[in-house]
Amino acid sequence: MNLLQLTVSRVDAPVFDGEVVSVHVPGVAGDMEIMANHEALISPLKAGVIRVDLENGETNRYDIESGTLEISNNHATILI
């Protein structure tokens, strides 16, 4: 299975760093699902929930008030 490297960080501490099946984010222009090999993208995020789907079937959720998503070379970085 193709996986996406994901890093989620707050200004004061890392939140998550690992490989995921997909990540769902609340984009300003609408909700997005990001999977492995997604094209390069930078997008602002609005208040909502980031949902991280792990390879073992578990799901992590993180409430955010705003943030930024950057995707490049199969690595997604979310700053919240």
PDB file of N, CA and C in Angstrom:
ATOM      1  N   MET A   1       0.850  -1.180   0.000  1.00  0.00           N
ATOM      2  CA  MET A   1       0.000   0.000   0.000  1.00  0.00           C
ATOM      3  C   MET A   1       0.894   1.241   0.000  1.00  0.00           C
ATOM      4  N   ASN A   2       0.560   2.205  -0.844  1.00  0.00           N
ATOM      5  CA  ASN A   2       1.288   3.468  -0.856  1.00  0.00           C
ATOM      6  C   ASN A   2       0.881   4.305   0.339  1.00  0.00           C
ATOM      7  N   LEU A   3       1.873   4.843   1.035  1.00  0.00           N
ATOM      8  CA  LEU A   3       1.612   5.657   2.214  1.00  0.00           C
ATOM      9  C   LEU A   3       2.161   7.060   2.015  1.00  0.00           C
ATOM     10  N   LEU A   4       1.609   7.983   2.761  1.00  0.00           N
ATOM     11  CA  LEU A   4       1.994   9.387   2.740  1.00  0.00           C
ATOM     12  C   LEU A   4       2.712   9.702   4.040  1.00  0.00           C
ATOM     13  N   GLN A   5       3.844  10.384   3.964  1.00  0.00           N
ATOM     14  CA  GLN A   5       4.527  10.846   5.173  1.00  0.00           C
ATOM     15  C   GLN A   5       3.820  12.115   5.639  1.00  0.00           C
ATOM     16  N   LEU A   6       3.409  12.148   6.910  1.00  0.00           N
ATOM     17  CA  LEU A   6       2.663  13.285   7.448  1.00  0.00           C
ATOM     18  C   LEU A   6       3.335  13.816   8.703  1.00  0.00           C
ATOM     19  N   THR A   7       3.476  15.136   8.757  1.00  0.00           N
ATOM     20  CA  THR A   7       3.944  15.824   9.953  1.00  0.00           C
ATOM     21  C   THR A   7       2.904  16.867  10.323  1.00  0.00           C
ATOM     22  N   VAL A   8       2.415  16.809  11.556  1.00  0.00           N
ATOM     23  CA  VAL A   8       1.495  17.817  12.082  1.00  0.00           C
ATOM     24  C   VAL A   8       2.203  18.465  13.263  1.00  0.00           C
ATOM     25  N   SER A   9       2.331  19.798  13.229  1.00  0.00           N
ATOM     26  CA  SER A   9       3.060  20.504  14.288  1.00  0.00           C
ATOM     27  C   SER A   9       2.326  21.748  14.737  1.00  0.00           C
ATOM     28  N   ARG A  10       2.431  22.003  16.034  1.00  0.00           N
ATOM     29  CA  ARG A  10       2.020  23.278  16.606  1.00  0.00           C
ATOM     30  C   ARG A  10       3.287  24.107  16.766  1.00  0.00           C
ATOM     31  N   VAL A  11       3.137  25.387  17.005  1.00  0.00           N
ATOM     32  CA  VAL A  11       4.293  26.258  17.187  1.00  0.00           C
ATOM     33  C   VAL A  11       5.170  25.755  18.331  1.00  0.00           C
ATOM     34  N   ASP A  12       4.548  25.256  19.389  1.00  0.00           N
ATOM     35  CA  ASP A  12       5.290  24.881  20.593  1.00  0.00           C
ATOM     36  C   ASP A  12       5.658  23.403  20.693  1.00  0.00           C
ATOM     37  N   ALA A  13       5.123  22.542  19.808  1.00  0.00           N
ATOM     38  CA  ALA A  13       5.416  21.113  19.940  1.00  0.00           C
ATOM     39  C   ALA A  13       4.933  20.325  18.727  1.00  0.00           C
ATOM     40  N   PRO A  14       5.629  19.221  18.400  1.00  0.00           N
ATOM     41  CA  PRO A  14       5.121  18.331  17.357  1.00  0.00           C
ATOM     42  C   PRO A  14       3.870  17.607  17.852  1.00  0.00           C
ATOM     43  N   VAL A  15       2.958  17.309  16.927  1.00  0.00           N
ATOM     44  CA  VAL A  15       1.712  16.628  17.269  1.00  0.00           C
ATOM     45  C   VAL A  15       1.710  15.198  16.720  1.00  0.00           C
ATOM     46  N   PHE A  16       2.132  15.037  15.463  1.00  0.00           N
ATOM     47  CA  PHE A  16       2.145  13.722  14.819  1.00  0.00           C
ATOM     48  C   PHE A  16       3.235  13.714  13.763  1.00  0.00           C
ATOM     49  N   ASP A  17       3.930  12.579  13.634  1.00  0.00           N
ATOM     50  CA  ASP A  17       4.925  12.409  12.576  1.00  0.00           C
ATOM     51  C   ASP A  17       4.971  10.926  12.226  1.00  0.00           C
ATOM     52  N   GLY A  18       4.537  10.585  11.010  1.00  0.00           N
ATOM     53  CA  GLY A  18       4.553   9.186  10.613  1.00  0.00           C
ATOM     54  C   GLY A  18       3.902   8.975   9.261  1.00  0.00           C
ATOM     55  N   GLU A  19       3.833   7.708   8.845  1.00  0.00           N
ATOM     56  CA  GLU A  19       3.216   7.356   7.573  1.00  0.00           C
ATOM     57  C   GLU A  19       1.728   7.098   7.773  1.00  0.00           C
ATOM     58  N   VAL A  20       0.918   7.572   6.819  1.00  0.00           N
ATOM     59  CA  VAL A  20      -0.536   7.449   6.913  1.00  0.00           C
ATOM     60  C   VAL A  20      -1.110   7.004   5.571  1.00  0.00           C
ATOM     61  N   VAL A  21      -2.321   6.450   5.624  1.00  0.00           N
ATOM     62  CA  VAL A  21      -3.049   6.095   4.408  1.00  0.00           C
ATOM     63  C   VAL A  21      -3.616   7.360   3.779  1.00  0.00           C
ATOM     64  N   SER A  22      -4.214   8.219   4.615  1.00  0.00           N
ATOM     65  CA  SER A  22      -4.775   9.476   4.124  1.00  0.00           C
ATOM     66  C   SER A  22      -4.956  10.442   5.281  1.00  0.00           C
ATOM     67  N   VAL A  23      -5.130  11.701   4.919  1.00  0.00           N
ATOM     68  CA  VAL A  23      -5.430  12.737   5.904  1.00  0.00           C
ATOM     69  C   VAL A  23      -6.535  13.610   5.321  1.00  0.00           C
ATOM     70  N   HIS A  24      -7.543  13.894   6.127  1.00  0.00           N
ATOM     71  CA  HIS A  24      -8.670  14.742   5.736  1.00  0.00           C
ATOM     72  C   HIS A  24      -8.508  16.075   6.457  1.00  0.00           C
ATOM     73  N   VAL A  25      -8.568  17.167   5.699  1.00  0.00           N
ATOM     74  CA  VAL A  25      -8.352  18.488   6.290  1.00  0.00           C
ATOM     75  C   VAL A  25      -9.474  19.445   5.898  1.00  0.00           C
ATOM     76  N   PRO A  26      -9.770  20.421   6.775  1.00  0.00           N
ATOM     77  CA  PRO A  26     -10.792  21.426   6.468  1.00  0.00           C
ATOM     78  C   PRO A  26     -10.178  22.611   5.717  1.00  0.00           C
ATOM     79  N   GLY A  27     -10.093  22.507   4.412  1.00  0.00           N
ATOM     80  CA  GLY A  27      -9.547  23.601   3.610  1.00  0.00           C
ATOM     81  C   GLY A  27     -10.506  24.777   3.561  1.00  0.00           C
ATOM     82  N   VAL A  28      -9.961  25.961   3.377  1.00  0.00           N
ATOM     83  CA  VAL A  28     -10.786  27.166   3.283  1.00  0.00           C
ATOM     84  C   VAL A  28     -11.762  27.058   2.106  1.00  0.00           C
ATOM     85  N   ALA A  29     -11.321  26.427   1.011  1.00  0.00           N
ATOM     86  CA  ALA A  29     -12.175  26.279  -0.168  1.00  0.00           C
ATOM     87  C   ALA A  29     -13.017  25.005  -0.124  1.00  0.00           C
ATOM     88  N   GLY A  30     -12.897  24.231   0.957  1.00  0.00           N
ATOM     89  CA  GLY A  30     -13.657  22.988   1.095  1.00  0.00           C
ATOM     90  C   GLY A  30     -12.792  21.894   1.684  1.00  0.00           C
ATOM     91  N   ASP A  31     -13.438  20.858   2.185  1.00  0.00           N
ATOM     92  CA  ASP A  31     -12.705  19.748   2.787  1.00  0.00           C
ATOM     93  C   ASP A  31     -11.924  18.992   1.716  1.00  0.00           C
ATOM     94  N   MET A  32     -10.742  18.478   2.106  1.00  0.00           N
ATOM     95  CA  MET A  32      -9.881  17.748   1.178  1.00  0.00           C
ATOM     96  C   MET A  32      -9.422  16.446   1.808  1.00  0.00           C
ATOM     97  N   GLU A  33      -9.265  15.423   0.975  1.00  0.00           N
ATOM     98  CA  GLU A  33      -8.629  14.178   1.399  1.00  0.00           C
ATOM     99  C   GLU A  33      -7.316  14.065   0.643  1.00  0.00           C
ATOM    100  N   ILE A  34      -6.229  13.897   1.375  1.00  0.00           N
ATOM    101  CA  ILE A  34      -4.902  13.806   0.783  1.00  0.00           C
ATOM    102  C   ILE A  34      -4.416  12.372   0.947  1.00  0.00           C
ATOM    103  N   MET A  35      -3.947  11.793  -0.171  1.00  0.00           N
ATOM    104  CA  MET A  35      -3.427  10.424  -0.151  1.00  0.00           C
ATOM    105  C   MET A  35      -2.017  10.435  -0.734  1.00  0.00           C
ATOM    106  N   ALA A  36      -1.360   9.282  -0.734  1.00  0.00           N
ATOM    107  CA  ALA A  36       0.005   9.160  -1.240  1.00  0.00           C
ATOM    108  C   ALA A  36       0.108   9.689  -2.666  1.00  0.00           C
ATOM    109  N   ASN A  37       1.242  10.299  -2.957  1.00  0.00           N
ATOM    110  CA  ASN A  37       1.589  10.805  -4.287  1.00  0.00           C
ATOM    111  C   ASN A  37       0.688  11.933  -4.771  1.00  0.00           C
ATOM    112  N   HIS A  38       0.104  12.679  -3.852  1.00  0.00           N
ATOM    113  CA  HIS A  38      -0.709  13.841  -4.212  1.00  0.00           C
ATOM    114  C   HIS A  38       0.191  14.897  -4.844  1.00  0.00           C
ATOM    115  N   GLU A  39      -0.355  15.663  -5.763  1.00  0.00           N
ATOM    116  CA  GLU A  39       0.433  16.727  -6.388  1.00  0.00           C
ATOM    117  C   GLU A  39       0.801  17.791  -5.356  1.00  0.00           C
ATOM    118  N   ALA A  40       1.833  18.562  -5.663  1.00  0.00           N
ATOM    119  CA  ALA A  40       2.283  19.627  -4.765  1.00  0.00           C
ATOM    120  C   ALA A  40       1.153  20.630  -4.546  1.00  0.00           C
ATOM    121  N   LEU A  41       1.047  21.113  -3.311  1.00  0.00           N
ATOM    122  CA  LEU A  41      -0.063  21.994  -2.945  1.00  0.00           C
ATOM    123  C   LEU A  41       0.289  22.764  -1.683  1.00  0.00           C
ATOM    124  N   ILE A  42      -0.152  24.004  -1.616  1.00  0.00           N
ATOM    125  CA  ILE A  42      -0.132  24.787  -0.380  1.00  0.00           C
ATOM    126  C   ILE A  42      -1.539  25.335  -0.212  1.00  0.00           C
ATOM    127  N   SER A  43      -2.130  25.140   0.985  1.00  0.00           N
ATOM    128  CA  SER A  43      -3.507  25.571   1.208  1.00  0.00           C
ATOM    129  C   SER A  43      -3.702  26.027   2.648  1.00  0.00           C
ATOM    130  N   PRO A  44      -4.433  27.131   2.833  1.00  0.00           N
ATOM    131  CA  PRO A  44      -4.812  27.519   4.196  1.00  0.00           C
ATOM    132  C   PRO A  44      -5.915  26.593   4.701  1.00  0.00           C
ATOM    133  N   LEU A  45      -5.939  26.393   6.008  1.00  0.00           N
ATOM    134  CA  LEU A  45      -6.960  25.555   6.629  1.00  0.00           C
ATOM    135  C   LEU A  45      -7.822  26.398   7.550  1.00  0.00           C
ATOM    136  N   LYS A  46      -9.109  26.027   7.647  1.00  0.00           N
ATOM    137  CA  LYS A  46     -10.037  26.733   8.532  1.00  0.00           C
ATOM    138  C   LYS A  46     -10.287  25.887   9.778  1.00  0.00           C
ATOM    139  N   ALA A  47     -11.043  26.430  10.699  1.00  0.00           N
ATOM    140  CA  ALA A  47     -11.393  25.703  11.924  1.00  0.00           C
ATOM    141  C   ALA A  47     -12.129  24.416  11.567  1.00  0.00           C
ATOM    142  N   GLY A  48     -11.791  23.348  12.271  1.00  0.00           N
ATOM    143  CA  GLY A  48     -12.426  22.062  12.028  1.00  0.00           C
ATOM    144  C   GLY A  48     -11.606  20.942  12.619  1.00  0.00           C
ATOM    145  N   VAL A  49     -11.701  19.771  11.988  1.00  0.00           N
ATOM    146  CA  VAL A  49     -11.015  18.578  12.488  1.00  0.00           C
ATOM    147  C   VAL A  49     -10.122  18.008  11.395  1.00  0.00           C
ATOM    148  N   ILE A  50      -8.868  17.714  11.756  1.00  0.00           N
ATOM    149  CA  ILE A  50      -7.979  16.948  10.887  1.00  0.00           C
ATOM    150  C   ILE A  50      -8.191  15.480  11.253  1.00  0.00           C
ATOM    151  N   ARG A  51      -8.467  14.653  10.253  1.00  0.00           N
ATOM    152  CA  ARG A  51      -8.639  13.216  10.487  1.00  0.00           C
ATOM    153  C   ARG A  51      -7.506  12.471   9.791  1.00  0.00           C
ATOM    154  N   VAL A  52      -6.764  11.693  10.555  1.00  0.00           N
ATOM    155  CA  VAL A  52      -5.611  10.956  10.046  1.00  0.00           C
ATOM    156  C   VAL A  52      -5.937   9.467  10.060  1.00  0.00           C
ATOM    157  N   ASP A  53      -5.956   8.846   8.880  1.00  0.00           N
ATOM    158  CA  ASP A  53      -6.247   7.417   8.761  1.00  0.00           C
ATOM    159  C   ASP A  53      -4.935   6.643   8.688  1.00  0.00           C
ATOM    160  N   LEU A  54      -4.701   5.780   9.676  1.00  0.00           N
ATOM    161  CA  LEU A  54      -3.463   5.018   9.779  1.00  0.00           C
ATOM    162  C   LEU A  54      -3.586   3.671   9.074  1.00  0.00           C
ATOM    163  N   GLU A  55      -2.444   3.076   8.743  1.00  0.00           N
ATOM    164  CA  GLU A  55      -2.425   1.804   8.016  1.00  0.00           C
ATOM    165  C   GLU A  55      -3.066   0.671   8.817  1.00  0.00           C
ATOM    166  N   ASN A  56      -2.998   0.730  10.146  1.00  0.00           N
ATOM    167  CA  ASN A  56      -3.564  -0.333  10.985  1.00  0.00           C
ATOM    168  C   ASN A  56      -5.078  -0.197  11.179  1.00  0.00           C
ATOM    169  N   GLY A  57      -5.695   0.769  10.499  1.00  0.00           N
ATOM    170  CA  GLY A  57      -7.140   0.958  10.584  1.00  0.00           C
ATOM    171  C   GLY A  57      -7.583   1.967  11.628  1.00  0.00           C
ATOM    172  N   GLU A  58      -6.661   2.409  12.472  1.00  0.00           N
ATOM    173  CA  GLU A  58      -6.999   3.413  13.482  1.00  0.00           C
ATOM    174  C   GLU A  58      -7.101   4.795  12.845  1.00  0.00           C
ATOM    175  N   THR A  59      -7.835   5.675  13.514  1.00  0.00           N
ATOM    176  CA  THR A  59      -7.999   7.053  13.058  1.00  0.00           C
ATOM    177  C   THR A  59      -7.678   7.994  14.206  1.00  0.00           C
ATOM    178  N   ASN A  60      -6.819   8.972  13.924  1.00  0.00           N
ATOM    179  CA  ASN A  60      -6.521  10.030  14.894  1.00  0.00           C
ATOM    180  C   ASN A  60      -7.246  11.294  14.458  1.00  0.00           C
ATOM    181  N   ARG A  61      -7.731  12.065  15.427  1.00  0.00           N
ATOM    182  CA  ARG A  61      -8.427  13.325  15.128  1.00  0.00           C
ATOM    183  C   ARG A  61      -7.793  14.453  15.928  1.00  0.00           C
ATOM    184  N   TYR A  62      -7.648  15.604  15.263  1.00  0.00           N
ATOM    185  CA  TYR A  62      -7.069  16.780  15.899  1.00  0.00           C
ATOM    186  C   TYR A  62      -7.951  17.987  15.586  1.00  0.00           C
ATOM    187  N   ASP A  63      -8.461  18.641  16.612  1.00  0.00           N
ATOM    188  CA  ASP A  63      -9.238  19.867  16.430  1.00  0.00           C
ATOM    189  C   ASP A  63      -8.284  21.019  16.155  1.00  0.00           C
ATOM    190  N   ILE A  64      -8.625  21.840  15.157  1.00  0.00           N
ATOM    191  CA  ILE A  64      -7.790  23.001  14.848  1.00  0.00           C
ATOM    192  C   ILE A  64      -8.661  24.247  14.714  1.00  0.00           C
ATOM    193  N   GLU A  65      -8.037  25.389  14.899  1.00  0.00           N
ATOM    194  CA  GLU A  65      -8.719  26.666  14.679  1.00  0.00           C
ATOM    195  C   GLU A  65      -8.328  27.271  13.345  1.00  0.00           C
ATOM    196  N   SER A  66      -7.126  26.967  12.882  1.00  0.00           N
ATOM    197  CA  SER A  66      -6.645  27.388  11.567  1.00  0.00           C
ATOM    198  C   SER A  66      -5.324  26.678  11.329  1.00  0.00           C
ATOM    199  N   GLY A  67      -4.772  26.835  10.136  1.00  0.00           N
ATOM    200  CA  GLY A  67      -3.487  26.211   9.857  1.00  0.00           C
ATOM    201  C   GLY A  67      -3.112  26.343   8.399  1.00  0.00           C
ATOM    202  N   THR A  68      -2.008  25.685   8.054  1.00  0.00           N
ATOM    203  CA  THR A  68      -1.512  25.676   6.684  1.00  0.00           C
ATOM    204  C   THR A  68      -1.088  24.258   6.329  1.00  0.00           C
ATOM    205  N   LEU A  69      -1.458  23.833   5.130  1.00  0.00           N
ATOM    206  CA  LEU A  69      -1.086  22.521   4.605  1.00  0.00           C
ATOM    207  C   LEU A  69      -0.114  22.722   3.457  1.00  0.00           C
ATOM    208  N   GLU A  70       0.994  21.983   3.476  1.00  0.00           N
ATOM    209  CA  GLU A  70       1.935  21.983   2.356  1.00  0.00           C
ATOM    210  C   GLU A  70       2.217  20.537   1.981  1.00  0.00           C
ATOM    211  N   ILE A  71       2.130  20.238   0.676  1.00  0.00           N
ATOM    212  CA  ILE A  71       2.421  18.890   0.180  1.00  0.00           C
ATOM    213  C   ILE A  71       3.510  18.994  -0.877  1.00  0.00           C
ATOM    214  N   SER A  72       4.545  18.164  -0.735  1.00  0.00           N
ATOM    215  CA  SER A  72       5.629  18.123  -1.705  1.00  0.00           C
ATOM    216  C   SER A  72       6.346  16.786  -1.581  1.00  0.00           C
ATOM    217  N   ASN A  73       6.595  16.130  -2.698  1.00  0.00           N
ATOM    218  CA  ASN A  73       7.363  14.881  -2.726  1.00  0.00           C
ATOM    219  C   ASN A  73       6.831  13.827  -1.754  1.00  0.00           C
ATOM    220  N   ASN A  74       5.530  13.606  -1.764  1.00  0.00           N
ATOM    221  CA  ASN A  74       4.855  12.595  -0.938  1.00  0.00           C
ATOM    222  C   ASN A  74       5.011  12.849   0.560  1.00  0.00           C
ATOM    223  N   HIS A  75       5.176  14.107   0.931  1.00  0.00           N
ATOM    224  CA  HIS A  75       5.261  14.491   2.346  1.00  0.00           C
ATOM    225  C   HIS A  75       4.313  15.661   2.570  1.00  0.00           C
ATOM    226  N   ALA A  76       3.365  15.479   3.477  1.00  0.00           N
ATOM    227  CA  ALA A  76       2.428  16.550   3.834  1.00  0.00           C
ATOM    228  C   ALA A  76       2.840  17.114   5.191  1.00  0.00           C
ATOM    229  N   THR A  77       2.892  18.435   5.267  1.00  0.00           N
ATOM    230  CA  THR A  77       3.196  19.123   6.516  1.00  0.00           C
ATOM    231  C   THR A  77       2.020  20.020   6.850  1.00  0.00           C
ATOM    232  N   ILE A  78       1.510  19.886   8.071  1.00  0.00           N
ATOM    233  CA  ILE A  78       0.413  20.731   8.533  1.00  0.00           C
ATOM    234  C   ILE A  78       0.899  21.503   9.745  1.00  0.00           C
ATOM    235  N   LEU A  79       0.851  22.824   9.649  1.00  0.00           N
ATOM    236  CA  LEU A  79       1.199  23.700  10.765  1.00  0.00           C
ATOM    237  C   LEU A  79      -0.087  24.252  11.338  1.00  0.00           C
ATOM    238  N   ILE A  80      -0.297  24.036  12.650  1.00  0.00           N
ATOM    239  CA  ILE A  80      -1.542  24.487  13.283  1.00  0.00           C
ATOM    240  C   ILE A  80      -1.248  25.363  14.485  1.00  0.00           C
TER     241      ILE A  80
END
